[in-house]
Amino acid sequence: MSHERVTNCYDLMDAAYDSEIIKKFSEGLGHVPIIDSNPRGGEKIPFDPTKEVRYRQRSSVERVFGRLKDEYGGRMIRVRGAEKVMAHLLFGIIPLTVDQLSRFIEYNVLRLHQHCY
């Protein structure tokens, strides 16, 4: 359903999705599957450098979801209905965004001061 609504070129998945059926389905949609290898008793196959960079984007998204769940109420949803759940999650996204922006500003101000002295 999502491929009808969103145009994407890559499918990023962890090792739990390392399956030829999933890879073929992804390719059938015209996507490039970037799936972490599951060694299954064998040797782990590393990504090529371009896929490694794209896979790291998945890690940053996972960190945001983790913070939303652990620090901003995403794990304790006490409402029913898609609209209410979405509103609840977005109320957590607002302070998360403010926190990330303040960290970004603080980091860049510190870097700027280091270059001035």
N, C-alpha and C. Protein backbone atom coordinates (compact mmCIF):
# COMPACT_ATOMS: atom_id res chain seq x y z
N MET A 1 0.82 -1.19 0.00
CA MET A 1 0.00 0.00 0.00
C MET A 1 0.87 1.26 0.00
N SER A 2 1.99 1.22 0.76
CA SER A 2 2.81 2.43 0.86
C SER A 2 3.46 2.80 -0.47
N HIS A 3 3.78 1.79 -1.30
CA HIS A 3 4.43 2.12 -2.58
C HIS A 3 3.48 2.86 -3.51
N GLU A 4 2.18 2.81 -3.25
CA GLU A 4 1.22 3.57 -4.04
C GLU A 4 1.15 5.03 -3.59
N ARG A 5 1.56 5.30 -2.35
CA ARG A 5 1.46 6.64 -1.79
C ARG A 5 2.78 7.40 -1.77
N VAL A 6 3.88 6.67 -1.68
CA VAL A 6 5.19 7.30 -1.51
C VAL A 6 6.14 6.76 -2.57
N THR A 7 6.94 7.65 -3.14
CA THR A 7 7.98 7.21 -4.07
C THR A 7 9.28 7.08 -3.30
N ASN A 8 9.79 5.86 -3.22
CA ASN A 8 11.07 5.66 -2.57
C ASN A 8 11.92 4.73 -3.44
N CYS A 9 13.20 4.87 -3.29
CA CYS A 9 14.12 4.10 -4.12
C CYS A 9 14.79 2.95 -3.36
N TYR A 10 14.80 3.04 -2.02
CA TYR A 10 15.52 2.06 -1.20
C TYR A 10 14.60 1.49 -0.14
N ASP A 11 14.82 0.24 0.20
CA ASP A 11 14.17 -0.40 1.33
C ASP A 11 15.27 -0.77 2.33
N LEU A 12 15.26 -0.11 3.49
CA LEU A 12 16.28 -0.34 4.52
C LEU A 12 15.71 -1.24 5.59
N MET A 13 16.37 -2.39 5.84
CA MET A 13 15.85 -3.36 6.81
C MET A 13 17.00 -3.98 7.59
N ASP A 14 16.67 -4.43 8.81
CA ASP A 14 17.71 -5.08 9.60
C ASP A 14 17.81 -6.56 9.23
N ALA A 15 18.68 -7.28 9.93
CA ALA A 15 19.00 -8.66 9.56
C ALA A 15 17.82 -9.62 9.69
N ALA A 16 16.80 -9.26 10.45
CA ALA A 16 15.63 -10.13 10.57
C ALA A 16 14.92 -10.30 9.24
N TYR A 17 15.12 -9.37 8.31
CA TYR A 17 14.44 -9.41 7.01
C TYR A 17 15.34 -9.93 5.90
N ASP A 18 16.47 -10.54 6.25
CA ASP A 18 17.41 -11.07 5.27
C ASP A 18 16.84 -12.35 4.66
N SER A 19 16.12 -12.17 3.55
CA SER A 19 15.47 -13.30 2.88
C SER A 19 15.42 -13.00 1.39
N GLU A 20 15.64 -14.02 0.59
CA GLU A 20 15.61 -13.84 -0.86
C GLU A 20 14.21 -13.42 -1.33
N ILE A 21 13.17 -13.93 -0.69
CA ILE A 21 11.80 -13.58 -1.08
C ILE A 21 11.57 -12.08 -0.88
N ILE A 22 12.02 -11.55 0.25
CA ILE A 22 11.85 -10.12 0.54
C ILE A 22 12.68 -9.29 -0.42
N LYS A 23 13.91 -9.71 -0.69
CA LYS A 23 14.76 -8.98 -1.64
C LYS A 23 14.12 -8.93 -3.03
N LYS A 24 13.61 -10.06 -3.49
CA LYS A 24 12.98 -10.12 -4.81
C LYS A 24 11.73 -9.24 -4.86
N PHE A 25 10.92 -9.25 -3.79
CA PHE A 25 9.73 -8.41 -3.74
C PHE A 25 10.11 -6.93 -3.82
N SER A 26 11.14 -6.54 -3.07
CA SER A 26 11.62 -5.16 -3.08
C SER A 26 12.09 -4.76 -4.48
N GLU A 27 12.86 -5.63 -5.10
CA GLU A 27 13.34 -5.35 -6.46
C GLU A 27 12.18 -5.29 -7.45
N GLY A 28 11.15 -6.11 -7.24
CA GLY A 28 9.97 -6.10 -8.10
C GLY A 28 9.23 -4.77 -8.04
N LEU A 29 9.34 -4.07 -6.91
CA LEU A 29 8.74 -2.74 -6.77
C LEU A 29 9.62 -1.65 -7.37
N GLY A 30 10.81 -2.05 -7.87
CA GLY A 30 11.73 -1.08 -8.43
C GLY A 30 12.62 -0.43 -7.39
N HIS A 31 12.70 -1.03 -6.20
CA HIS A 31 13.53 -0.49 -5.11
C HIS A 31 14.85 -1.23 -5.04
N VAL A 32 15.81 -0.62 -4.36
CA VAL A 32 17.07 -1.27 -4.06
C VAL A 32 16.98 -1.76 -2.62
N PRO A 33 16.98 -3.08 -2.39
CA PRO A 33 16.92 -3.57 -1.02
C PRO A 33 18.28 -3.43 -0.33
N ILE A 34 18.29 -2.76 0.81
CA ILE A 34 19.50 -2.66 1.61
C ILE A 34 19.17 -3.33 2.93
N ILE A 35 19.53 -4.61 3.01
CA ILE A 35 19.17 -5.44 4.15
C ILE A 35 20.44 -5.96 4.80
N ASP A 36 20.56 -5.70 6.10
CA ASP A 36 21.72 -6.19 6.84
C ASP A 36 21.76 -7.71 6.74
N SER A 37 22.93 -8.28 6.55
CA SER A 37 23.01 -9.73 6.38
C SER A 37 22.89 -10.44 7.72
N ASN A 38 22.20 -11.55 7.70
CA ASN A 38 22.07 -12.40 8.88
C ASN A 38 23.00 -13.59 8.66
N PRO A 39 24.05 -13.71 9.46
CA PRO A 39 25.04 -14.75 9.19
C PRO A 39 24.49 -16.18 9.28
N ARG A 40 23.47 -16.43 10.11
CA ARG A 40 22.88 -17.77 10.26
C ARG A 40 23.94 -18.86 10.33
N GLY A 41 24.88 -18.66 11.21
CA GLY A 41 25.94 -19.65 11.39
C GLY A 41 27.09 -19.50 10.41
N GLY A 42 26.95 -18.62 9.43
CA GLY A 42 28.02 -18.40 8.45
C GLY A 42 28.72 -17.09 8.73
N GLU A 43 29.19 -16.48 7.69
CA GLU A 43 29.93 -15.22 7.81
C GLU A 43 29.04 -14.05 7.43
N LYS A 44 29.13 -12.98 8.20
CA LYS A 44 28.36 -11.77 7.92
C LYS A 44 28.95 -11.08 6.70
N ILE A 45 28.10 -10.72 5.75
CA ILE A 45 28.54 -10.07 4.51
C ILE A 45 28.43 -8.56 4.71
N PRO A 46 29.55 -7.83 4.61
CA PRO A 46 29.49 -6.37 4.81
C PRO A 46 28.85 -5.68 3.61
N PHE A 47 28.32 -4.47 3.87
CA PHE A 47 27.76 -3.64 2.80
C PHE A 47 28.87 -3.05 1.96
N ASP A 48 28.56 -2.71 0.70
CA ASP A 48 29.51 -1.90 -0.05
C ASP A 48 29.38 -0.47 0.50
N PRO A 49 30.37 0.40 0.27
CA PRO A 49 30.39 1.72 0.92
C PRO A 49 29.15 2.58 0.68
N THR A 50 28.57 2.56 -0.52
CA THR A 50 27.40 3.40 -0.76
C THR A 50 26.18 2.89 0.01
N LYS A 51 26.01 1.59 0.09
CA LYS A 51 24.89 1.04 0.85
C LYS A 51 25.10 1.25 2.35
N GLU A 52 26.34 1.24 2.80
CA GLU A 52 26.63 1.48 4.22
C GLU A 52 26.17 2.87 4.64
N VAL A 53 26.42 3.87 3.80
CA VAL A 53 26.00 5.24 4.10
C VAL A 53 24.48 5.31 4.18
N ARG A 54 23.79 4.70 3.26
CA ARG A 54 22.32 4.72 3.28
C ARG A 54 21.77 3.95 4.48
N TYR A 55 22.40 2.84 4.82
CA TYR A 55 21.91 2.04 5.96
C TYR A 55 22.05 2.81 7.27
N ARG A 56 23.08 3.65 7.38
CA ARG A 56 23.25 4.46 8.60
C ARG A 56 22.08 5.41 8.81
N GLN A 57 21.41 5.84 7.73
CA GLN A 57 20.23 6.68 7.87
C GLN A 57 19.15 5.95 8.65
N ARG A 58 19.04 4.65 8.44
CA ARG A 58 18.06 3.85 9.18
C ARG A 58 18.37 3.91 10.67
N SER A 59 19.64 3.86 11.02
CA SER A 59 20.04 3.89 12.42
C SER A 59 19.62 5.20 13.08
N SER A 60 19.77 6.32 12.37
CA SER A 60 19.38 7.60 12.96
C SER A 60 17.87 7.68 13.15
N VAL A 61 17.11 7.12 12.24
CA VAL A 61 15.65 7.09 12.39
C VAL A 61 15.27 6.21 13.57
N GLU A 62 15.94 5.08 13.73
CA GLU A 62 15.66 4.19 14.86
C GLU A 62 15.94 4.89 16.19
N ARG A 63 16.98 5.72 16.24
CA ARG A 63 17.28 6.46 17.48
C ARG A 63 16.17 7.45 17.80
N VAL A 64 15.63 8.12 16.79
CA VAL A 64 14.53 9.06 17.02
C VAL A 64 13.31 8.31 17.54
N PHE A 65 12.96 7.19 16.92
CA PHE A 65 11.83 6.41 17.40
C PHE A 65 12.06 5.91 18.82
N GLY A 66 13.28 5.51 19.12
CA GLY A 66 13.61 5.06 20.47
C GLY A 66 13.43 6.17 21.49
N ARG A 67 13.90 7.37 21.17
CA ARG A 67 13.72 8.50 22.08
C ARG A 67 12.25 8.85 22.23
N LEU A 68 11.49 8.80 21.14
CA LEU A 68 10.06 9.08 21.21
C LEU A 68 9.38 8.10 22.18
N LYS A 69 9.75 6.83 22.10
CA LYS A 69 9.15 5.84 22.98
C LYS A 69 9.63 5.98 24.42
N ASP A 70 10.94 6.13 24.62
CA ASP A 70 11.52 6.10 25.96
C ASP A 70 11.39 7.41 26.73
N GLU A 71 11.46 8.54 26.03
CA GLU A 71 11.52 9.82 26.73
C GLU A 71 10.30 10.71 26.52
N TYR A 72 9.49 10.45 25.50
CA TYR A 72 8.42 11.38 25.16
C TYR A 72 7.05 10.71 25.02
N GLY A 73 6.81 9.65 25.78
CA GLY A 73 5.48 9.07 25.90
C GLY A 73 4.99 8.18 24.78
N GLY A 74 5.82 7.84 23.83
CA GLY A 74 5.36 7.02 22.72
C GLY A 74 5.05 5.58 23.10
N ARG A 75 5.53 5.16 24.25
CA ARG A 75 5.29 3.79 24.69
C ARG A 75 4.01 3.67 25.53
N MET A 76 3.53 4.78 26.05
CA MET A 76 2.40 4.77 26.98
C MET A 76 1.18 5.47 26.37
N ILE A 77 0.71 4.99 25.26
CA ILE A 77 -0.45 5.61 24.62
C ILE A 77 -1.71 5.08 25.28
N ARG A 78 -2.53 5.98 25.80
CA ARG A 78 -3.73 5.59 26.55
C ARG A 78 -5.01 6.04 25.84
N VAL A 79 -4.95 6.22 24.54
CA VAL A 79 -6.13 6.65 23.79
C VAL A 79 -6.41 5.62 22.70
N ARG A 80 -7.61 5.69 22.14
CA ARG A 80 -8.00 4.79 21.04
C ARG A 80 -8.36 5.63 19.83
N GLY A 81 -8.17 5.02 18.68
CA GLY A 81 -8.50 5.70 17.43
C GLY A 81 -7.26 6.26 16.77
N ALA A 82 -7.19 6.10 15.47
CA ALA A 82 -6.00 6.50 14.72
C ALA A 82 -5.68 7.99 14.88
N GLU A 83 -6.70 8.85 14.83
CA GLU A 83 -6.45 10.29 14.94
C GLU A 83 -5.91 10.66 16.31
N LYS A 84 -6.47 10.05 17.36
CA LYS A 84 -6.02 10.36 18.72
C LYS A 84 -4.61 9.84 18.97
N VAL A 85 -4.33 8.65 18.47
CA VAL A 85 -2.98 8.09 18.62
C VAL A 85 -1.98 8.98 17.89
N MET A 86 -2.32 9.39 16.67
CA MET A 86 -1.42 10.27 15.91
C MET A 86 -1.19 11.58 16.66
N ALA A 87 -2.25 12.17 17.19
CA ALA A 87 -2.10 13.42 17.95
C ALA A 87 -1.20 13.20 19.16
N HIS A 88 -1.38 12.09 19.86
CA HIS A 88 -0.56 11.78 21.04
C HIS A 88 0.92 11.69 20.65
N LEU A 89 1.20 10.98 19.57
CA LEU A 89 2.59 10.84 19.12
C LEU A 89 3.17 12.18 18.67
N LEU A 90 2.36 12.98 17.98
CA LEU A 90 2.86 14.28 17.54
C LEU A 90 3.12 15.21 18.72
N PHE A 91 2.34 15.08 19.81
CA PHE A 91 2.63 15.86 21.01
C PHE A 91 3.99 15.47 21.60
N GLY A 92 4.44 14.26 21.35
CA GLY A 92 5.78 13.86 21.76
C GLY A 92 6.85 14.33 20.79
N ILE A 93 6.49 14.43 19.51
CA ILE A 93 7.46 14.89 18.49
C ILE A 93 7.84 16.35 18.70
N ILE A 94 6.90 17.16 19.18
CA ILE A 94 7.19 18.60 19.36
C ILE A 94 8.34 18.82 20.34
N PRO A 95 8.28 18.30 21.58
CA PRO A 95 9.42 18.54 22.48
C PRO A 95 10.69 17.81 22.03
N LEU A 96 10.54 16.67 21.35
CA LEU A 96 11.72 15.98 20.82
C LEU A 96 12.42 16.86 19.79
N THR A 97 11.66 17.50 18.92
CA THR A 97 12.22 18.39 17.91
C THR A 97 12.90 19.59 18.57
N VAL A 98 12.26 20.17 19.57
CA VAL A 98 12.84 21.31 20.28
C VAL A 98 14.17 20.90 20.94
N ASP A 99 14.19 19.72 21.55
CA ASP A 99 15.41 19.23 22.18
C ASP A 99 16.52 19.04 21.15
N GLN A 100 16.19 18.44 20.02
CA GLN A 100 17.20 18.23 18.98
C GLN A 100 17.72 19.56 18.43
N LEU A 101 16.82 20.53 18.24
CA LEU A 101 17.25 21.84 17.75
C LEU A 101 18.15 22.54 18.76
N SER A 102 17.81 22.44 20.04
CA SER A 102 18.65 23.09 21.05
C SER A 102 20.03 22.43 21.11
N ARG A 103 20.07 21.11 20.97
CA ARG A 103 21.38 20.41 20.93
C ARG A 103 22.19 20.86 19.71
N PHE A 104 21.51 20.98 18.57
CA PHE A 104 22.18 21.41 17.35
C PHE A 104 22.75 22.82 17.51
N ILE A 105 21.95 23.72 18.06
CA ILE A 105 22.40 25.10 18.25
C ILE A 105 23.55 25.15 19.24
N GLU A 106 23.43 24.45 20.35
CA GLU A 106 24.49 24.44 21.36
C GLU A 106 25.79 23.91 20.78
N TYR A 107 25.72 22.82 20.02
CA TYR A 107 26.91 22.23 19.42
C TYR A 107 27.57 23.22 18.46
N ASN A 108 26.78 23.88 17.62
CA ASN A 108 27.35 24.80 16.65
C ASN A 108 27.86 26.08 17.28
N VAL A 109 27.23 26.54 18.36
CA VAL A 109 27.74 27.72 19.08
C VAL A 109 29.09 27.39 19.70
N LEU A 110 29.22 26.21 20.29
CA LEU A 110 30.50 25.79 20.86
C LEU A 110 31.58 25.71 19.80
N ARG A 111 31.25 25.16 18.65
CA ARG A 111 32.22 25.08 17.55
C ARG A 111 32.63 26.47 17.08
N LEU A 112 31.66 27.38 17.00
CA LEU A 112 31.94 28.74 16.56
C LEU A 112 32.89 29.42 17.55
N HIS A 113 32.64 29.26 18.86
CA HIS A 113 33.50 29.87 19.88
C HIS A 113 34.91 29.29 19.83
N GLN A 114 35.05 28.01 19.53
CA GLN A 114 36.36 27.39 19.45
C GLN A 114 37.16 28.00 18.29
N HIS A 115 36.50 28.31 17.20
CA HIS A 115 37.20 28.90 16.05
C HIS A 115 37.58 30.36 16.29
N CYS A 116 36.83 31.04 17.17
CA CYS A 116 37.08 32.46 17.42
C CYS A 116 38.28 32.67 18.34
N TYR A 117 38.60 31.68 19.16
CA TYR A 117 39.70 31.88 20.13
C TYR A 117 40.96 31.26 19.70
